[in-house]
Every structure is written in C-alpha cells, then in structure tokens.
Amino acid sequence: MGDEALFRIRNEDDAWDIFQAALEKKIEVAPQQLKINWEGWPRIRIYLPDVPEDGSISSSMMGAILQLQKSIYRTHALLSTGSDNLRTLSQIERERFEIRVKVDKGSSDLSINLSDIISKYGNDIIAKMTGTELLIMVLGLALIYAGKLVVSEFLKAKTDQRRLASDDDKTRELLANYRAQLEHDSKRFELLTKALDQRPILKQIEDSAAEARDEILKAVAEEHGGEIQGIAVPHEVATEISSVSRAQSSEARLAGQYRVAKVDTTVTDGFRVTLEDIKTGQLVTASLFDAVISSEHRRILQDAEWNKKPLFVEMSARMLRGRVVDAKIVSVGVQQPQRAK
C-alpha cells in the first residue's frame, strides 16, 4: 500500500465500511504506515428543542456530560495502562482528553467533536498492536461513542425492556410503534458485537460508554424529549425507557433443533418466524439476520412450516428476565453441522 496507508473518514458509513474490511482481514497495514483523516466525524450531537432558556444546559445534562467525560478518561486509562482506574491519570492527561461542548442558541443544540480525542487514542496504542488491529480498535471506539446505529440499538434494547415489563396496553403500543421507526442494520451491529467479544478492552469501553448513554437519555427525558445523534426521542418515550436498568439485558447465542410454529410476513421488517425448541418446548420469535441470504432462509423456514420438519437454527439474541428478546436468525439447516475432529 506504499509508504503510507491513508483512510478518510467523512461520515459513519465510511467508518463502518473500513471497520468491516479490517475485521475481514481485507486490509493489511503496518502501524507506522497507518494514517486516518477524520473529516467532520465522529461527532456527538444532542438536540433539545424545549429548554426553558435558549442555549442553556440543565444540571441533569451537565451530569450526563460529566459521565461521558469520565468514560473518555477511562478509555484512555484502559488503552494506555490496561486499568480503568482514573486515579492513575495525570493533570496533563486529563487536559489532553478533555471534551468541549458547543452550545448553539435558539435551543440547546449540543455538539461534541471527538475527532481529536479519537486520534490521541490511536497514539496510546500504536506500539501495542498491528496496524489492522489498531484500525479496528480506533474505528470501534468512534462507532461506540458517536455511531448513530449504536445509539439506535441502545434505544431498541431500552424500549424492549420497558415494553416487556409494562402491563399497560397503551404504553406497549407506544413503545412498539417507536421501536418500528428505529434504524435497523443488524449485519453491521453484529460486526461490532463480534469485535467486542474478541477484544475485552473494547468491551469494557463499550460498557463505560453505555453508562454515559443512560445518563444522556435520562437528561433528554427531563428536558421533555429531543434528539440523540439525529434520532428523535419523544418525551413520552424518553420518560418510559429512561428508568430501565441496562443491566437487565444480556447478549446470548442460541443453537439447536427447532420446529417452525408460525411464519409471519405481515410485520414491519418483512419476515418473522416463531420457533419451538424441540427439547424444551420454549417458543422464540425471531427475524432474519442477513438480508443478502434471507431469501434462501425464508424458503427453508416456510418449507419446514409446511412439511412439519425440524431445523437446526442458530440465533443471536438478548436475554431479559429469562426470556429471549430481539432474536435474529443467523443460519438454518436441515441438520446440525458436524464438528471437525
């Protein structure tokens, strides 16, 4: 790739495309050759249209920004020392990684440019990994903190948790309608999930960033709704989901023999199937994970429903209070694949 490998990041799509190529080992670059140009992204934006005073920040929003700052500091500590202990940070380090919040008048339109901070993270770890791994780590950080898709998945999880916990029909309908409007790109999000599973420090950073997202959501609720990364969060929705504890949900992988109980093609995402675990009798409702191969999966699932044949199904999902939620079918087959000896 020559003396220097230059990657231009103009927006979130650029970040996802290069992140995927690096994860799939389509990019090979030495750390000293790697150069990333951040051109207007990553940036965090919080829009609050109903604040009582133009250009003002409430104490709850200030608290959320402080939580975000703490997460930024913790990320530096993890990358530079392997520990998340903030007491190890010097005053000079704190100043280097201090975030600046721009507040526009006319409303509270908060903007935080993270490109300088993300670049400094790269300097923290350049001597510790290959250029490709460095690229994965730095882009992963940018997507964790400023990815619209990551915020969308965060809001989906909060919405699902509150909807399952509610006994009120109107609340469940409100949250179901809101969830249907959120951005959906399970293939890209699965890339990040796999990267987190394989890189413990990146997973620790995501956990810390998620705490900041929780505080931002609570502040948006107190400010009568707004937008996070361009995603509208109405006051009623924000109030309902901001009280949900993030710890209630956990990632899960499911695999086994299932009977196809029902296929529904009338739903918003076009296809949903109800599966019955042959061993336990547990019912799982799932959507298709990969749009590229979904037509083949659809055919196999519909044939299995019609012919009453069991299938071996692999799914990614979340567990909430012992229940499977947000399940996505990764693969289907007539029988369980044989393990290599």
Protein backbone atom coordinates (compact mmCIF):
# COMPACT_ATOMS: atom_id res chain seq x y z
CA MET A 1 0.00 0.00 0.00
CA GLY A 2 3.04 2.27 -0.35
CA ASP A 3 4.79 4.22 2.37
CA GLU A 4 1.52 5.41 3.88
CA ALA A 5 -1.97 3.93 4.09
CA LEU A 6 -4.45 6.81 4.26
CA PHE A 7 -8.06 6.25 5.35
CA ARG A 8 -10.53 9.13 5.04
CA ILE A 9 -13.47 9.09 7.44
CA ARG A 10 -16.05 11.62 6.28
CA ASN A 11 -19.09 10.03 7.91
CA GLU A 12 -20.34 6.97 9.78
CA ASP A 13 -20.74 4.90 6.60
CA ASP A 14 -17.03 5.33 5.84
CA ALA A 15 -16.20 4.15 9.35
CA TRP A 16 -18.40 1.04 9.07
CA ASP A 17 -17.04 0.11 5.61
CA ILE A 18 -13.40 0.32 6.69
CA PHE A 19 -14.18 -1.35 10.04
CA GLN A 20 -15.75 -4.30 8.21
CA ALA A 21 -12.85 -4.59 5.75
CA ALA A 22 -10.35 -4.61 8.64
CA LEU A 23 -12.32 -7.24 10.56
CA GLU A 24 -12.49 -9.42 7.45
CA LYS A 25 -8.68 -9.07 7.06
CA LYS A 26 -9.01 -7.30 3.71
CA ILE A 27 -6.70 -4.56 5.00
CA GLU A 28 -3.08 -5.13 5.94
CA VAL A 29 -1.07 -2.16 7.13
CA ALA A 30 1.85 -1.54 9.48
CA PRO A 31 1.17 0.76 12.45
CA GLN A 32 3.75 3.28 11.24
CA GLN A 33 2.05 3.46 7.82
CA LEU A 34 -1.46 3.94 9.15
CA LYS A 35 -2.94 7.40 8.79
CA ILE A 36 -6.61 8.28 9.44
CA ASN A 37 -8.06 11.60 8.34
CA TRP A 38 -11.21 12.49 10.30
CA GLU A 39 -13.26 14.91 8.18
CA GLY A 40 -16.24 16.14 10.22
CA TRP A 41 -16.85 12.85 12.03
CA PRO A 42 -17.04 11.48 14.76
CA ARG A 43 -19.26 13.99 16.49
CA ILE A 44 -21.83 13.62 19.28
CA ARG A 45 -24.94 15.76 18.91
CA ILE A 46 -27.80 16.20 21.38
CA TYR A 47 -30.70 18.42 20.36
CA LEU A 48 -33.18 19.71 22.97
CA PRO A 49 -35.93 21.85 21.38
CA ASP A 50 -37.98 22.59 24.51
CA VAL A 51 -35.50 24.02 27.01
CA PRO A 52 -36.89 26.92 29.09
CA GLU A 53 -33.92 29.17 28.27
CA ASP A 54 -32.11 29.35 24.93
CA GLY A 55 -28.61 27.92 24.89
CA SER A 56 -28.87 26.62 28.44
CA ILE A 57 -27.77 23.29 29.94
CA SER A 58 -29.65 21.70 32.83
CA SER A 59 -27.93 20.12 35.81
CA SER A 60 -29.03 16.66 34.60
CA MET A 61 -27.47 17.25 31.18
CA MET A 62 -24.32 18.56 32.84
CA GLY A 63 -24.24 15.32 34.84
CA ALA A 64 -24.58 13.30 31.63
CA ILE A 65 -21.71 15.21 30.02
CA LEU A 66 -19.56 14.59 33.10
CA GLN A 67 -20.37 10.86 32.82
CA LEU A 68 -19.31 11.00 29.17
CA GLN A 69 -16.09 12.77 30.16
CA LYS A 70 -15.42 10.07 32.76
CA SER A 71 -15.89 7.41 30.09
CA ILE A 72 -13.46 9.23 27.76
CA TYR A 73 -10.87 9.32 30.56
CA ARG A 74 -11.47 5.66 31.38
CA THR A 75 -10.92 4.72 27.73
CA HIS A 76 -7.52 6.42 27.76
CA ALA A 77 -6.59 4.67 31.01
CA LEU A 78 -7.58 1.26 29.62
CA LEU A 79 -5.67 1.74 26.38
CA SER A 80 -2.53 3.17 27.97
CA THR A 81 -2.27 1.08 31.17
CA GLY A 82 -4.81 -1.75 30.87
CA SER A 83 -6.58 -0.48 34.02
CA ASP A 84 -9.71 1.67 34.26
CA ASN A 85 -8.52 3.34 37.47
CA LEU A 86 -8.88 7.09 36.85
CA ARG A 87 -6.59 7.92 39.77
CA THR A 88 -3.62 6.99 37.58
CA LEU A 89 -4.34 9.89 35.20
CA SER A 90 -2.16 12.97 35.48
CA GLN A 91 -3.49 16.51 35.14
CA ILE A 92 -1.78 16.75 31.75
CA GLU A 93 -3.59 13.60 30.57
CA ARG A 94 -6.92 14.94 31.79
CA GLU A 95 -6.37 18.15 29.86
CA ARG A 96 -5.41 16.22 26.70
CA PHE A 97 -8.65 14.23 26.76
CA GLU A 98 -10.99 16.94 27.97
CA ILE A 99 -14.12 17.26 25.83
CA ARG A 100 -15.50 20.62 24.70
CA VAL A 101 -19.24 21.12 24.35
CA LYS A 102 -20.51 23.64 21.81
CA VAL A 103 -24.00 25.01 22.59
CA ASP A 104 -25.88 26.82 19.83
CA LYS A 105 -28.52 29.41 20.68
CA GLY A 106 -32.17 29.14 19.73
CA SER A 107 -32.42 25.85 21.58
CA SER A 108 -29.97 23.63 23.36
CA ASP A 109 -28.12 22.09 20.44
CA LEU A 110 -25.10 20.41 21.99
CA SER A 111 -22.23 19.27 19.80
CA ILE A 112 -19.02 17.48 20.81
CA ASN A 113 -16.28 16.95 18.21
CA LEU A 114 -14.44 13.74 19.09
CA SER A 115 -12.02 13.56 16.16
CA ASP A 116 -9.03 14.99 18.08
CA ILE A 117 -9.65 12.72 21.06
CA ILE A 118 -10.05 9.60 18.90
CA SER A 119 -6.76 10.47 17.14
CA LYS A 120 -4.99 10.69 20.51
CA TYR A 121 -6.33 7.25 21.43
CA GLY A 122 -4.51 5.92 18.38
CA ASN A 123 -1.25 7.29 19.73
CA ASP A 124 -1.92 5.50 23.05
CA ILE A 125 -1.86 2.05 21.49
CA ILE A 126 0.23 2.33 18.32
CA ALA A 127 3.12 0.33 19.82
CA LYS A 128 0.92 -2.45 21.18
CA MET A 129 -0.75 -3.96 18.08
CA THR A 130 -0.66 -4.42 14.33
CA GLY A 131 -1.86 -1.65 12.04
CA THR A 132 -5.02 -3.59 11.19
CA GLU A 133 -5.82 -4.20 14.86
CA LEU A 134 -5.13 -0.53 15.58
CA LEU A 135 -7.56 0.44 12.82
CA ILE A 136 -10.22 -1.89 14.25
CA MET A 137 -9.74 -0.52 17.75
CA VAL A 138 -9.82 3.18 16.79
CA LEU A 139 -12.82 2.83 14.46
CA GLY A 140 -14.56 0.68 17.09
CA LEU A 141 -14.11 3.49 19.62
CA ALA A 142 -15.50 6.06 17.21
CA LEU A 143 -18.56 3.90 16.45
CA ILE A 144 -19.16 3.18 20.16
CA TYR A 145 -19.15 6.85 21.09
CA ALA A 146 -20.66 8.51 18.02
CA GLY A 147 -22.34 5.82 15.92
CA LYS A 148 -25.98 6.53 15.14
CA LEU A 149 -26.57 2.79 14.68
CA VAL A 150 -25.13 2.07 18.15
CA VAL A 151 -27.48 4.64 19.69
CA SER A 152 -30.38 3.12 17.74
CA GLU A 153 -29.59 -0.38 19.07
CA PHE A 154 -29.26 1.06 22.59
CA LEU A 155 -32.72 2.64 22.29
CA LYS A 156 -34.16 -0.62 20.92
CA ALA A 157 -32.86 -2.55 23.92
CA LYS A 158 -34.29 0.00 26.37
CA THR A 159 -37.61 0.01 24.53
CA ASP A 160 -37.84 -3.80 24.52
CA GLN A 161 -37.09 -4.00 28.23
CA ARG A 162 -39.73 -1.43 29.15
CA ARG A 163 -42.32 -2.91 26.79
CA LEU A 164 -41.91 -6.40 28.28
CA ALA A 165 -42.10 -5.04 31.82
CA SER A 166 -45.23 -2.92 31.23
CA ASP A 167 -48.77 -4.12 31.92
CA ASP A 168 -50.32 -1.10 30.19
CA ASP A 169 -51.58 -1.69 26.63
CA LYS A 170 -51.15 1.96 25.60
CA THR A 171 -47.55 2.00 26.82
CA ARG A 172 -46.74 -1.21 24.98
CA GLU A 173 -48.31 0.14 21.80
CA LEU A 174 -46.41 3.44 22.14
CA LEU A 175 -43.11 1.62 22.53
CA ALA A 176 -43.81 -0.91 19.77
CA ASN A 177 -44.57 1.92 17.32
CA TYR A 178 -41.43 3.79 18.38
CA ARG A 179 -39.23 0.72 18.02
CA ALA A 180 -40.51 0.10 14.48
CA GLN A 181 -39.19 3.55 13.47
CA LEU A 182 -35.63 2.98 14.67
CA GLU A 183 -32.81 2.32 12.21
CA HIS A 184 -32.18 -1.36 11.57
CA ASP A 185 -28.90 -2.78 10.29
CA SER A 186 -28.28 -5.98 12.18
CA LYS A 187 -25.40 -7.05 9.93
CA ARG A 188 -23.29 -4.02 10.82
CA PHE A 189 -24.16 -4.18 14.51
CA GLU A 190 -23.23 -7.86 14.58
CA LEU A 191 -19.78 -6.86 13.31
CA LEU A 192 -19.33 -4.61 16.32
CA THR A 193 -20.71 -7.26 18.67
CA LYS A 194 -18.16 -9.80 17.41
CA ALA A 195 -15.36 -7.25 17.75
CA LEU A 196 -16.39 -6.61 21.38
CA ASP A 197 -16.50 -10.35 22.12
CA GLN A 198 -12.97 -10.82 20.77
CA ARG A 199 -11.41 -7.72 22.40
CA PRO A 200 -12.04 -7.45 26.17
CA ILE A 201 -10.75 -3.87 26.46
CA LEU A 202 -13.12 -2.73 23.70
CA LYS A 203 -15.97 -4.44 25.58
CA GLN A 204 -15.00 -2.59 28.79
CA ILE A 205 -15.02 0.68 26.86
CA GLU A 206 -18.48 -0.08 25.45
CA ASP A 207 -19.80 -0.82 28.95
CA SER A 208 -18.46 2.53 30.15
CA ALA A 209 -19.88 4.41 27.14
CA ALA A 210 -23.27 2.75 27.73
CA GLU A 211 -23.37 4.30 31.21
CA ALA A 212 -22.95 7.71 29.58
CA ARG A 213 -25.75 6.90 27.09
CA ASP A 214 -28.02 6.06 30.03
CA GLU A 215 -27.35 9.44 31.63
CA ILE A 216 -27.87 11.29 28.35
CA LEU A 217 -31.21 9.54 27.85
CA LYS A 218 -32.34 10.48 31.37
CA ALA A 219 -31.37 14.10 30.75
CA VAL A 220 -33.31 14.14 27.44
CA ALA A 221 -36.34 12.79 29.30
CA GLU A 222 -36.10 15.58 31.89
CA GLU A 223 -35.83 18.15 29.08
CA HIS A 224 -39.15 16.97 27.53
CA GLY A 225 -37.60 14.98 24.68
CA GLY A 226 -35.18 15.72 21.89
CA GLU A 227 -32.72 14.01 19.58
CA ILE A 228 -29.61 11.91 20.22
CA GLN A 229 -27.34 11.53 17.18
CA GLY A 230 -30.22 12.66 14.98
CA ILE A 231 -32.61 10.05 16.40
CA ALA A 232 -35.83 11.56 17.75
CA VAL A 233 -36.70 10.53 21.31
CA PRO A 234 -40.16 11.94 22.14
CA HIS A 235 -40.86 13.00 25.71
CA GLU A 236 -43.31 10.14 26.43
CA VAL A 237 -40.88 7.52 25.11
CA ALA A 238 -37.87 9.02 26.86
CA THR A 239 -39.76 9.09 30.16
CA GLU A 240 -40.79 5.44 29.82
CA ILE A 241 -37.45 3.96 28.79
CA SER A 242 -35.01 6.14 30.75
CA SER A 243 -35.93 4.40 34.01
CA VAL A 244 -35.00 0.93 32.71
CA SER A 245 -31.84 -0.57 34.14
CA ARG A 246 -29.33 -1.53 31.42
CA ALA A 247 -28.17 -4.50 33.48
CA GLN A 248 -31.47 -6.30 32.93
CA SER A 249 -30.44 -7.43 29.44
CA SER A 250 -27.56 -9.63 28.28
CA GLU A 251 -26.33 -10.92 24.93
CA ALA A 252 -26.94 -14.59 24.06
CA ARG A 253 -26.29 -17.11 21.27
CA LEU A 254 -28.85 -19.86 20.69
CA ALA A 255 -28.43 -23.02 18.64
CA GLY A 256 -30.50 -26.21 18.45
CA GLN A 257 -33.29 -28.17 16.83
CA TYR A 258 -36.46 -26.14 16.35
CA ARG A 259 -39.90 -26.72 14.87
CA VAL A 260 -41.34 -23.85 12.81
CA ALA A 261 -44.61 -22.99 14.55
CA LYS A 262 -45.55 -19.86 12.58
CA VAL A 263 -44.27 -17.66 9.75
CA ASP A 264 -45.46 -14.03 9.61
CA THR A 265 -44.76 -11.92 6.51
CA THR A 266 -47.03 -9.01 7.50
CA VAL A 267 -44.66 -7.41 10.05
CA THR A 268 -42.68 -4.19 9.53
CA ASP A 269 -39.34 -5.86 8.79
CA GLY A 270 -40.98 -8.21 6.26
CA PHE A 271 -40.49 -11.61 7.86
CA ARG A 272 -40.76 -13.06 11.35
CA VAL A 273 -40.91 -16.67 12.46
CA THR A 274 -41.98 -18.35 15.70
CA LEU A 275 -39.80 -21.35 16.55
CA GLU A 276 -40.42 -24.10 19.11
CA ASP A 277 -37.39 -25.68 20.80
CA ILE A 278 -37.89 -29.43 20.34
CA LYS A 279 -36.17 -30.27 23.65
CA THR A 280 -37.77 -27.68 25.95
CA GLY A 281 -40.90 -26.58 24.12
CA GLN A 282 -39.84 -22.93 24.54
CA LEU A 283 -41.16 -20.57 21.87
CA VAL A 284 -38.84 -17.99 20.30
CA THR A 285 -39.93 -15.28 17.87
CA ALA A 286 -37.11 -14.21 15.55
CA SER A 287 -36.41 -12.10 12.48
CA LEU A 288 -33.84 -12.78 9.77
CA PHE A 289 -30.30 -11.54 10.36
CA ASP A 290 -28.78 -11.19 6.91
CA ALA A 291 -30.80 -9.56 4.14
CA VAL A 292 -28.42 -10.91 1.47
CA ILE A 293 -29.21 -14.57 2.17
CA SER A 294 -32.67 -14.03 3.67
CA SER A 295 -34.50 -15.31 0.57
CA GLU A 296 -32.89 -18.75 0.98
CA HIS A 297 -33.61 -18.74 4.72
CA ARG A 298 -37.21 -17.75 4.04
CA ARG A 299 -37.66 -20.66 1.65
CA ILE A 300 -36.19 -23.20 4.09
CA LEU A 301 -38.27 -21.89 7.00
CA GLN A 302 -41.51 -21.78 5.01
CA ASP A 303 -40.91 -25.31 3.68
CA ALA A 304 -40.25 -26.53 7.22
CA GLU A 305 -43.52 -24.97 8.44
CA TRP A 306 -45.47 -26.59 5.61
CA ASN A 307 -43.81 -30.02 5.88
CA LYS A 308 -43.56 -30.04 9.70
CA LYS A 309 -39.83 -30.78 9.52
CA PRO A 310 -37.47 -29.73 12.34
CA LEU A 311 -34.49 -27.49 11.54
CA PHE A 312 -31.16 -26.73 13.13
CA VAL A 313 -31.23 -22.98 13.80
CA GLU A 314 -28.55 -20.60 15.10
CA MET A 315 -29.63 -17.23 16.51
CA SER A 316 -28.19 -14.14 18.17
CA ALA A 317 -30.45 -12.65 20.85
CA ARG A 318 -30.72 -10.86 24.16
CA MET A 319 -31.91 -12.42 27.41
CA LEU A 320 -34.26 -10.40 29.60
CA ARG A 321 -35.54 -11.88 32.87
CA GLY A 322 -35.03 -15.38 31.50
CA ARG A 323 -36.84 -14.58 28.23
CA VAL A 324 -35.35 -14.41 24.75
CA VAL A 325 -35.84 -11.00 23.09
CA ASP A 326 -34.74 -9.44 19.79
CA ALA A 327 -33.70 -12.81 18.34
CA LYS A 328 -32.18 -12.84 14.86
CA ILE A 329 -31.64 -15.98 12.80
CA VAL A 330 -28.02 -16.30 11.71
CA SER A 331 -28.27 -19.65 9.91
CA VAL A 332 -30.69 -22.51 9.27
CA GLY A 333 -30.12 -26.07 8.12
CA VAL A 334 -31.85 -29.41 7.90
CA GLN A 335 -29.46 -30.92 10.45
CA GLN A 336 -26.81 -29.84 12.95
CA PRO A 337 -23.44 -29.20 11.29
CA GLN A 338 -20.76 -31.77 12.09
CA ARG A 339 -17.85 -30.56 14.21
CA ALA A 340 -14.37 -31.14 12.82
CA LYS A 341 -12.48 -33.87 14.69
